[in-house]
Amino acid sequence: MSVSNMSCSLCCLDIDQCACPELDDNLKKIVFTKGNKVMVKWCAACDKHFARCKCKYPEFKLIAGGEEVDASKGFLTADGKRIFVDLSRR
């Protein structure tokens, strides 16, 4: 079972199953490009997307445009519901 709904555009596998050598670098470029609005759960310990992290003790953070996003108050969906991102586990 995949832990992410993202897939590699080269091999079409879910990113936690992908073995393409450039995937980690490509994901890092997306997440750390200034001004990019894509928000991703990222492990600060191994510097990888959460689905590719193999850390025993991961340090998950939300990153967008190269900066950490404060997730403590949650986020509002389009229908007004408040959701919280679980940064404690994959």
PDB file of N, CA and C in Angstrom:
ATOM      1  N   MET A   1       0.832  -1.187   0.000  1.00  0.00           N
ATOM      2  CA  MET A   1       0.000   0.000   0.000  1.00  0.00           C
ATOM      3  C   MET A   1       0.872   1.245   0.000  1.00  0.00           C
ATOM      4  N   SER A   2       0.565   2.170  -0.857  1.00  0.00           N
ATOM      5  CA  SER A   2       1.336   3.401  -0.966  1.00  0.00           C
ATOM      6  C   SER A   2       0.990   4.351   0.185  1.00  0.00           C
ATOM      7  N   VAL A   3       1.985   5.111   0.622  1.00  0.00           N
ATOM      8  CA  VAL A   3       1.742   6.105   1.668  1.00  0.00           C
ATOM      9  C   VAL A   3       1.547   7.494   1.068  1.00  0.00           C
ATOM     10  N   SER A   4       1.646   7.612  -0.234  1.00  0.00           N
ATOM     11  CA  SER A   4       1.506   8.898  -0.901  1.00  0.00           C
ATOM     12  C   SER A   4       0.691   8.714  -2.171  1.00  0.00           C
ATOM     13  N   ASN A   5       0.049   9.762  -2.612  1.00  0.00           N
ATOM     14  CA  ASN A   5      -0.696   9.677  -3.860  1.00  0.00           C
ATOM     15  C   ASN A   5       0.115  10.265  -5.021  1.00  0.00           C
ATOM     16  N   MET A   6       1.416  10.400  -4.825  1.00  0.00           N
ATOM     17  CA  MET A   6       2.298  10.905  -5.874  1.00  0.00           C
ATOM     18  C   MET A   6       2.983   9.734  -6.577  1.00  0.00           C
ATOM     19  N   SER A   7       3.215   9.897  -7.873  1.00  0.00           N
ATOM     20  CA  SER A   7       3.935   8.861  -8.607  1.00  0.00           C
ATOM     21  C   SER A   7       5.026   9.503  -9.460  1.00  0.00           C
ATOM     22  N   CYS A   8       6.008   8.702  -9.791  1.00  0.00           N
ATOM     23  CA  CYS A   8       7.136   9.139 -10.613  1.00  0.00           C
ATOM     24  C   CYS A   8       6.666   9.274 -12.059  1.00  0.00           C
ATOM     25  N   SER A   9       7.033  10.368 -12.722  1.00  0.00           N
ATOM     26  CA  SER A   9       6.614  10.570 -14.108  1.00  0.00           C
ATOM     27  C   SER A   9       7.436   9.734 -15.086  1.00  0.00           C
ATOM     28  N   LEU A  10       8.555   9.154 -14.640  1.00  0.00           N
ATOM     29  CA  LEU A  10       9.373   8.308 -15.520  1.00  0.00           C
ATOM     30  C   LEU A  10       8.938   6.844 -15.494  1.00  0.00           C
ATOM     31  N   CYS A  11       8.834   6.269 -14.295  1.00  0.00           N
ATOM     32  CA  CYS A  11       8.507   4.838 -14.198  1.00  0.00           C
ATOM     33  C   CYS A  11       7.039   4.588 -13.838  1.00  0.00           C
ATOM     34  N   CYS A  12       6.321   5.636 -13.473  1.00  0.00           N
ATOM     35  CA  CYS A  12       4.898   5.589 -13.130  1.00  0.00           C
ATOM     36  C   CYS A  12       4.589   4.823 -11.840  1.00  0.00           C
ATOM     37  N   LEU A  13       5.617   4.484 -11.069  1.00  0.00           N
ATOM     38  CA  LEU A  13       5.393   3.845  -9.771  1.00  0.00           C
ATOM     39  C   LEU A  13       5.152   4.913  -8.713  1.00  0.00           C
ATOM     40  N   ASP A  14       4.469   4.532  -7.633  1.00  0.00           N
ATOM     41  CA  ASP A  14       4.321   5.451  -6.512  1.00  0.00           C
ATOM     42  C   ASP A  14       5.710   5.819  -6.010  1.00  0.00           C
ATOM     43  N   ILE A  15       5.876   7.035  -5.506  1.00  0.00           N
ATOM     44  CA  ILE A  15       7.227   7.489  -5.179  1.00  0.00           C
ATOM     45  C   ILE A  15       7.888   6.686  -4.063  1.00  0.00           C
ATOM     46  N   ASP A  16       7.108   6.020  -3.221  1.00  0.00           N
ATOM     47  CA  ASP A  16       7.740   5.184  -2.201  1.00  0.00           C
ATOM     48  C   ASP A  16       8.254   3.868  -2.791  1.00  0.00           C
ATOM     49  N   GLN A  17       7.860   3.531  -4.017  1.00  0.00           N
ATOM     50  CA  GLN A  17       8.311   2.314  -4.697  1.00  0.00           C
ATOM     51  C   GLN A  17       9.319   2.596  -5.815  1.00  0.00           C
ATOM     52  N   CYS A  18       9.438   3.844  -6.215  1.00  0.00           N
ATOM     53  CA  CYS A  18      10.288   4.242  -7.340  1.00  0.00           C
ATOM     54  C   CYS A  18      11.768   4.036  -7.015  1.00  0.00           C
ATOM     55  N   ALA A  19      12.521   3.557  -8.023  1.00  0.00           N
ATOM     56  CA  ALA A  19      13.966   3.368  -7.872  1.00  0.00           C
ATOM     57  C   ALA A  19      14.752   4.268  -8.832  1.00  0.00           C
ATOM     58  N   CYS A  20      14.089   5.212  -9.474  1.00  0.00           N
ATOM     59  CA  CYS A  20      14.775   6.117 -10.398  1.00  0.00           C
ATOM     60  C   CYS A  20      15.804   6.945  -9.617  1.00  0.00           C
ATOM     61  N   PRO A  21      17.043   7.002 -10.112  1.00  0.00           N
ATOM     62  CA  PRO A  21      18.115   7.654  -9.351  1.00  0.00           C
ATOM     63  C   PRO A  21      17.923   9.156  -9.144  1.00  0.00           C
ATOM     64  N   GLU A  22      17.197   9.821 -10.024  1.00  0.00           N
ATOM     65  CA  GLU A  22      17.055  11.269  -9.916  1.00  0.00           C
ATOM     66  C   GLU A  22      15.812  11.719  -9.133  1.00  0.00           C
ATOM     67  N   LEU A  23      14.989  10.787  -8.678  1.00  0.00           N
ATOM     68  CA  LEU A  23      13.730  11.166  -8.035  1.00  0.00           C
ATOM     69  C   LEU A  23      13.937  12.040  -6.797  1.00  0.00           C
ATOM     70  N   ASP A  24      14.843  11.661  -5.904  1.00  0.00           N
ATOM     71  CA  ASP A  24      15.039  12.455  -4.681  1.00  0.00           C
ATOM     72  C   ASP A  24      15.474  13.879  -5.007  1.00  0.00           C
ATOM     73  N   ASP A  25      16.373  14.047  -5.966  1.00  0.00           N
ATOM     74  CA  ASP A  25      16.813  15.390  -6.365  1.00  0.00           C
ATOM     75  C   ASP A  25      15.670  16.179  -6.991  1.00  0.00           C
ATOM     76  N   ASN A  26      14.862  15.522  -7.821  1.00  0.00           N
ATOM     77  CA  ASN A  26      13.730  16.205  -8.454  1.00  0.00           C
ATOM     78  C   ASN A  26      12.694  16.654  -7.415  1.00  0.00           C
ATOM     79  N   LEU A  27      12.396  15.784  -6.454  1.00  0.00           N
ATOM     80  CA  LEU A  27      11.460  16.157  -5.400  1.00  0.00           C
ATOM     81  C   LEU A  27      11.993  17.330  -4.593  1.00  0.00           C
ATOM     82  N   LYS A  28      13.279  17.299  -4.300  1.00  0.00           N
ATOM     83  CA  LYS A  28      13.896  18.381  -3.519  1.00  0.00           C
ATOM     84  C   LYS A  28      13.805  19.715  -4.273  1.00  0.00           C
ATOM     85  N   LYS A  29      14.012  19.699  -5.595  1.00  0.00           N
ATOM     86  CA  LYS A  29      13.896  20.920  -6.391  1.00  0.00           C
ATOM     87  C   LYS A  29      12.481  21.497  -6.304  1.00  0.00           C
ATOM     88  N   ILE A  30      11.480  20.625  -6.365  1.00  0.00           N
ATOM     89  CA  ILE A  30      10.087  21.075  -6.292  1.00  0.00           C
ATOM     90  C   ILE A  30       9.806  21.708  -4.934  1.00  0.00           C
ATOM     91  N   VAL A  31      10.208  21.043  -3.879  1.00  0.00           N
ATOM     92  CA  VAL A  31       9.888  21.483  -2.524  1.00  0.00           C
ATOM     93  C   VAL A  31      10.638  22.751  -2.131  1.00  0.00           C
ATOM     94  N   PHE A  32      11.879  22.894  -2.596  1.00  0.00           N
ATOM     95  CA  PHE A  32      12.712  23.999  -2.139  1.00  0.00           C
ATOM     96  C   PHE A  32      12.875  25.128  -3.150  1.00  0.00           C
ATOM     97  N   THR A  33      12.030  25.167  -4.178  1.00  0.00           N
ATOM     98  CA  THR A  33      12.037  26.278  -5.125  1.00  0.00           C
ATOM     99  C   THR A  33      11.246  27.437  -4.538  1.00  0.00           C
ATOM    100  N   LYS A  34      11.913  28.567  -4.349  1.00  0.00           N
ATOM    101  CA  LYS A  34      11.253  29.745  -3.767  1.00  0.00           C
ATOM    102  C   LYS A  34      10.024  30.111  -4.594  1.00  0.00           C
ATOM    103  N   GLY A  35       8.955  30.436  -3.897  1.00  0.00           N
ATOM    104  CA  GLY A  35       7.717  30.835  -4.547  1.00  0.00           C
ATOM    105  C   GLY A  35       6.807  29.687  -4.930  1.00  0.00           C
ATOM    106  N   ASN A  36       7.311  28.458  -4.869  1.00  0.00           N
ATOM    107  CA  ASN A  36       6.483  27.302  -5.221  1.00  0.00           C
ATOM    108  C   ASN A  36       5.423  27.110  -4.137  1.00  0.00           C
ATOM    109  N   LYS A  37       4.211  26.865  -4.527  1.00  0.00           N
ATOM    110  CA  LYS A  37       3.101  26.732  -3.582  1.00  0.00           C
ATOM    111  C   LYS A  37       2.776  25.282  -3.242  1.00  0.00           C
ATOM    112  N   VAL A  38       3.573  24.333  -3.738  1.00  0.00           N
ATOM    113  CA  VAL A  38       3.349  22.930  -3.435  1.00  0.00           C
ATOM    114  C   VAL A  38       3.814  22.655  -2.007  1.00  0.00           C
ATOM    115  N   MET A  39       2.913  22.145  -1.180  1.00  0.00           N
ATOM    116  CA  MET A  39       3.238  21.854   0.217  1.00  0.00           C
ATOM    117  C   MET A  39       3.436  20.351   0.363  1.00  0.00           C
ATOM    118  N   VAL A  40       4.571  19.966   0.988  1.00  0.00           N
ATOM    119  CA  VAL A  40       4.950  18.565   1.085  1.00  0.00           C
ATOM    120  C   VAL A  40       5.422  18.246   2.498  1.00  0.00           C
ATOM    121  N   LYS A  41       5.071  17.049   2.969  1.00  0.00           N
ATOM    122  CA  LYS A  41       5.611  16.573   4.253  1.00  0.00           C
ATOM    123  C   LYS A  41       7.018  16.055   3.968  1.00  0.00           C
ATOM    124  N   TRP A  42       7.995  16.602   4.677  1.00  0.00           N
ATOM    125  CA  TRP A  42       9.405  16.365   4.401  1.00  0.00           C
ATOM    126  C   TRP A  42      10.123  15.960   5.677  1.00  0.00           C
ATOM    127  N   CYS A  43      11.067  15.034   5.585  1.00  0.00           N
ATOM    128  CA  CYS A  43      11.859  14.640   6.754  1.00  0.00           C
ATOM    129  C   CYS A  43      13.122  15.488   6.817  1.00  0.00           C
ATOM    130  N   ALA A  44      13.261  16.250   7.884  1.00  0.00           N
ATOM    131  CA  ALA A  44      14.443  17.094   8.067  1.00  0.00           C
ATOM    132  C   ALA A  44      15.668  16.261   8.436  1.00  0.00           C
ATOM    133  N   ALA A  45      15.464  15.076   8.972  1.00  0.00           N
ATOM    134  CA  ALA A  45      16.583  14.226   9.392  1.00  0.00           C
ATOM    135  C   ALA A  45      17.339  13.655   8.188  1.00  0.00           C
ATOM    136  N   CYS A  46      16.618  13.136   7.196  1.00  0.00           N
ATOM    137  CA  CYS A  46      17.280  12.524   6.032  1.00  0.00           C
ATOM    138  C   CYS A  46      17.170  13.380   4.775  1.00  0.00           C
ATOM    139  N   ASP A  47      16.409  14.490   4.851  1.00  0.00           N
ATOM    140  CA  ASP A  47      16.226  15.416   3.739  1.00  0.00           C
ATOM    141  C   ASP A  47      15.549  14.733   2.548  1.00  0.00           C
ATOM    142  N   LYS A  48      14.451  13.992   2.837  1.00  0.00           N
ATOM    143  CA  LYS A  48      13.689  13.316   1.789  1.00  0.00           C
ATOM    144  C   LYS A  48      12.190  13.488   2.011  1.00  0.00           C
ATOM    145  N   HIS A  49      11.438  13.293   0.944  1.00  0.00           N
ATOM    146  CA  HIS A  49       9.983  13.258   1.011  1.00  0.00           C
ATOM    147  C   HIS A  49       9.585  12.186   2.028  1.00  0.00           C
ATOM    148  N   PHE A  50       8.521  12.414   2.779  1.00  0.00           N
ATOM    149  CA  PHE A  50       8.148  11.486   3.850  1.00  0.00           C
ATOM    150  C   PHE A  50       7.937  10.056   3.364  1.00  0.00           C
ATOM    151  N   ALA A  51       7.457   9.884   2.149  1.00  0.00           N
ATOM    152  CA  ALA A  51       7.207   8.541   1.626  1.00  0.00           C
ATOM    153  C   ALA A  51       8.501   7.797   1.301  1.00  0.00           C
ATOM    154  N   ARG A  52       9.597   8.519   1.175  1.00  0.00           N
ATOM    155  CA  ARG A  52      10.890   7.903   0.857  1.00  0.00           C
ATOM    156  C   ARG A  52      11.801   7.830   2.078  1.00  0.00           C
ATOM    157  N   CYS A  53      11.374   8.394   3.174  1.00  0.00           N
ATOM    158  CA  CYS A  53      12.141   8.408   4.416  1.00  0.00           C
ATOM    159  C   CYS A  53      12.193   7.005   5.032  1.00  0.00           C
ATOM    160  N   LYS A  54      13.376   6.624   5.467  1.00  0.00           N
ATOM    161  CA  LYS A  54      13.568   5.331   6.126  1.00  0.00           C
ATOM    162  C   LYS A  54      14.098   5.520   7.553  1.00  0.00           C
ATOM    163  N   CYS A  55      14.027   6.741   8.058  1.00  0.00           N
ATOM    164  CA  CYS A  55      14.572   7.062   9.382  1.00  0.00           C
ATOM    165  C   CYS A  55      13.832   6.317  10.495  1.00  0.00           C
ATOM    166  N   LYS A  56      14.575   5.858  11.474  1.00  0.00           N
ATOM    167  CA  LYS A  56      13.963   5.245  12.642  1.00  0.00           C
ATOM    168  C   LYS A  56      13.211   6.305  13.436  1.00  0.00           C
ATOM    169  N   TYR A  57      13.783   7.501  13.509  1.00  0.00           N
ATOM    170  CA  TYR A  57      13.169   8.630  14.215  1.00  0.00           C
ATOM    171  C   TYR A  57      13.074   9.822  13.266  1.00  0.00           C
ATOM    172  N   PRO A  58      12.078   9.829  12.389  1.00  0.00           N
ATOM    173  CA  PRO A  58      11.951  10.919  11.417  1.00  0.00           C
ATOM    174  C   PRO A  58      11.584  12.247  12.081  1.00  0.00           C
ATOM    175  N   GLU A  59      11.930  13.316  11.404  1.00  0.00           N
ATOM    176  CA  GLU A  59      11.598  14.680  11.846  1.00  0.00           C
ATOM    177  C   GLU A  59      10.769  15.331  10.748  1.00  0.00           C
ATOM    178  N   PHE A  60       9.475  15.012  10.707  1.00  0.00           N
ATOM    179  CA  PHE A  60       8.629  15.511   9.636  1.00  0.00           C
ATOM    180  C   PHE A  60       8.238  16.968   9.849  1.00  0.00           C
ATOM    181  N   LYS A  61       8.264  17.706   8.736  1.00  0.00           N
ATOM    182  CA  LYS A  61       7.856  19.103   8.700  1.00  0.00           C
ATOM    183  C   LYS A  61       7.076  19.318   7.412  1.00  0.00           C
ATOM    184  N   LEU A  62       6.267  20.348   7.380  1.00  0.00           N
ATOM    185  CA  LEU A  62       5.610  20.743   6.133  1.00  0.00           C
ATOM    186  C   LEU A  62       6.464  21.829   5.503  1.00  0.00           C
ATOM    187  N   ILE A  63       6.783  21.653   4.220  1.00  0.00           N
ATOM    188  CA  ILE A  63       7.632  22.602   3.506  1.00  0.00           C
ATOM    189  C   ILE A  63       6.897  23.058   2.249  1.00  0.00           C
ATOM    190  N   ALA A  64       6.962  24.350   1.983  1.00  0.00           N
ATOM    191  CA  ALA A  64       6.440  24.915   0.730  1.00  0.00           C
ATOM    192  C   ALA A  64       7.337  26.076   0.342  1.00  0.00           C
ATOM    193  N   GLY A  65       7.756  26.106  -0.887  1.00  0.00           N
ATOM    194  CA  GLY A  65       8.615  27.194  -1.355  1.00  0.00           C
ATOM    195  C   GLY A  65       9.920  27.289  -0.592  1.00  0.00           C
ATOM    196  N   GLY A  66      10.392  26.172  -0.070  1.00  0.00           N
ATOM    197  CA  GLY A  66      11.660  26.144   0.644  1.00  0.00           C
ATOM    198  C   GLY A  66      11.585  26.570   2.091  1.00  0.00           C
ATOM    199  N   GLU A  67      10.376  26.835   2.581  1.00  0.00           N
ATOM    200  CA  GLU A  67      10.222  27.295   3.957  1.00  0.00           C
ATOM    201  C   GLU A  67       9.259  26.390   4.721  1.00  0.00           C
ATOM    202  N   GLU A  68       9.512  26.282   6.020  1.00  0.00           N
ATOM    203  CA  GLU A  68       8.635  25.477   6.861  1.00  0.00           C
ATOM    204  C   GLU A  68       7.292  26.181   7.034  1.00  0.00           C
ATOM    205  N   VAL A  69       6.216  25.407   6.941  1.00  0.00           N
ATOM    206  CA  VAL A  69       4.859  25.920   7.076  1.00  0.00           C
ATOM    207  C   VAL A  69       4.344  25.546   8.468  1.00  0.00           C
ATOM    208  N   ASP A  70       3.786  26.509   9.173  1.00  0.00           N
ATOM    209  CA  ASP A  70       3.227  26.247  10.495  1.00  0.00           C
ATOM    210  C   ASP A  70       1.919  25.465  10.347  1.00  0.00           C
ATOM    211  N   ALA A  71       1.914  24.248  10.849  1.00  0.00           N
ATOM    212  CA  ALA A  71       0.738  23.381  10.726  1.00  0.00           C
ATOM    213  C   ALA A  71      -0.025  23.263  12.039  1.00  0.00           C
ATOM    214  N   SER A  72       0.370  24.024  13.050  1.00  0.00           N
ATOM    215  CA  SER A  72      -0.204  23.856  14.387  1.00  0.00           C
ATOM    216  C   SER A  72      -1.695  24.184  14.466  1.00  0.00           C
ATOM    217  N   LYS A  73      -2.181  25.072  13.615  1.00  0.00           N
ATOM    218  CA  LYS A  73      -3.599  25.448  13.646  1.00  0.00           C
ATOM    219  C   LYS A  73      -4.408  24.713  12.585  1.00  0.00           C
ATOM    220  N   GLY A  74      -3.754  23.846  11.832  1.00  0.00           N
ATOM    221  CA  GLY A  74      -4.444  23.103  10.795  1.00  0.00           C
ATOM    222  C   GLY A  74      -4.702  23.964   9.571  1.00  0.00           C
ATOM    223  N   PHE A  75      -5.490  23.419   8.651  1.00  0.00           N
ATOM    224  CA  PHE A  75      -5.783  24.092   7.396  1.00  0.00           C
ATOM    225  C   PHE A  75      -7.259  23.949   7.085  1.00  0.00           C
ATOM    226  N   LEU A  76      -7.834  24.972   6.458  1.00  0.00           N
ATOM    227  CA  LEU A  76      -9.243  24.916   6.073  1.00  0.00           C
ATOM    228  C   LEU A  76      -9.377  24.352   4.672  1.00  0.00           C
ATOM    229  N   THR A  77     -10.312  23.424   4.511  1.00  0.00           N
ATOM    230  CA  THR A  77     -10.612  22.886   3.191  1.00  0.00           C
ATOM    231  C   THR A  77     -11.567  23.847   2.486  1.00  0.00           C
ATOM    232  N   ALA A  78     -11.838  23.591   1.224  1.00  0.00           N
ATOM    233  CA  ALA A  78     -12.739  24.454   0.451  1.00  0.00           C
ATOM    234  C   ALA A  78     -14.135  24.496   1.045  1.00  0.00           C
ATOM    235  N   ASP A  79     -14.557  23.423   1.727  1.00  0.00           N
ATOM    236  CA  ASP A  79     -15.894  23.414   2.323  1.00  0.00           C
ATOM    237  C   ASP A  79     -15.887  23.869   3.783  1.00  0.00           C
ATOM    238  N   GLY A  80     -14.777  24.443   4.236  1.00  0.00           N
ATOM    239  CA  GLY A  80     -14.726  25.048   5.566  1.00  0.00           C
ATOM    240  C   GLY A  80     -14.359  24.122   6.713  1.00  0.00           C
ATOM    241  N   LYS A  81     -14.004  22.900   6.417  1.00  0.00           N
ATOM    242  CA  LYS A  81     -13.605  21.970   7.475  1.00  0.00           C
ATOM    243  C   LYS A  81     -12.128  22.173   7.804  1.00  0.00           C
ATOM    244  N   ARG A  82     -11.778  22.037   9.072  1.00  0.00           N
ATOM    245  CA  ARG A  82     -10.391  22.172   9.493  1.00  0.00           C
ATOM    246  C   ARG A  82      -9.754  20.789   9.541  1.00  0.00           C
ATOM    247  N   ILE A  83      -8.605  20.657   8.885  1.00  0.00           N
ATOM    248  CA  ILE A  83      -7.875  19.394   8.892  1.00  0.00           C
ATOM    249  C   ILE A  83      -6.490  19.619   9.485  1.00  0.00           C
ATOM    250  N   PHE A  84      -5.924  18.570  10.055  1.00  0.00           N
ATOM    251  CA  PHE A  84      -4.595  18.635  10.647  1.00  0.00           C
ATOM    252  C   PHE A  84      -3.713  17.579   9.998  1.00  0.00           C
ATOM    253  N   VAL A  85      -2.480  17.934   9.713  1.00  0.00           N
ATOM    254  CA  VAL A  85      -1.525  17.007   9.129  1.00  0.00           C
ATOM    255  C   VAL A  85      -0.807  16.295  10.261  1.00  0.00           C
ATOM    256  N   ASP A  86      -0.767  14.977  10.189  1.00  0.00           N
ATOM    257  CA  ASP A  86      -0.076  14.190  11.216  1.00  0.00           C
ATOM    258  C   ASP A  86       1.414  14.169  10.880  1.00  0.00           C
ATOM    259  N   LEU A  87       2.191  14.920  11.644  1.00  0.00           N
ATOM    260  CA  LEU A  87       3.632  14.984  11.422  1.00  0.00           C
ATOM    261  C   LEU A  87       4.398  13.992  12.280  1.00  0.00           C
ATOM    262  N   SER A  88       3.671  13.130  12.993  1.00  0.00           N
ATOM    263  CA  SER A  88       4.329  12.179  13.877  1.00  0.00           C
ATOM    264  C   SER A  88       4.582  10.826  13.224  1.00  0.00           C
ATOM    265  N   ARG A  89       3.935  10.574  12.081  1.00  0.00           N
ATOM    266  CA  ARG A  89       4.125   9.260  11.431  1.00  0.00           C
ATOM    267  C   ARG A  89       3.924   9.378   9.932  1.00  0.00           C
ATOM    268  N   ARG A  90       4.306   8.310   9.248  1.00  0.00           N
ATOM    269  CA  ARG A  90       4.161   8.279   7.784  1.00  0.00           C
ATOM    270  C   ARG A  90       2.728   8.169   7.470  1.00  0.00           C
TER     271      ARG A  90
END
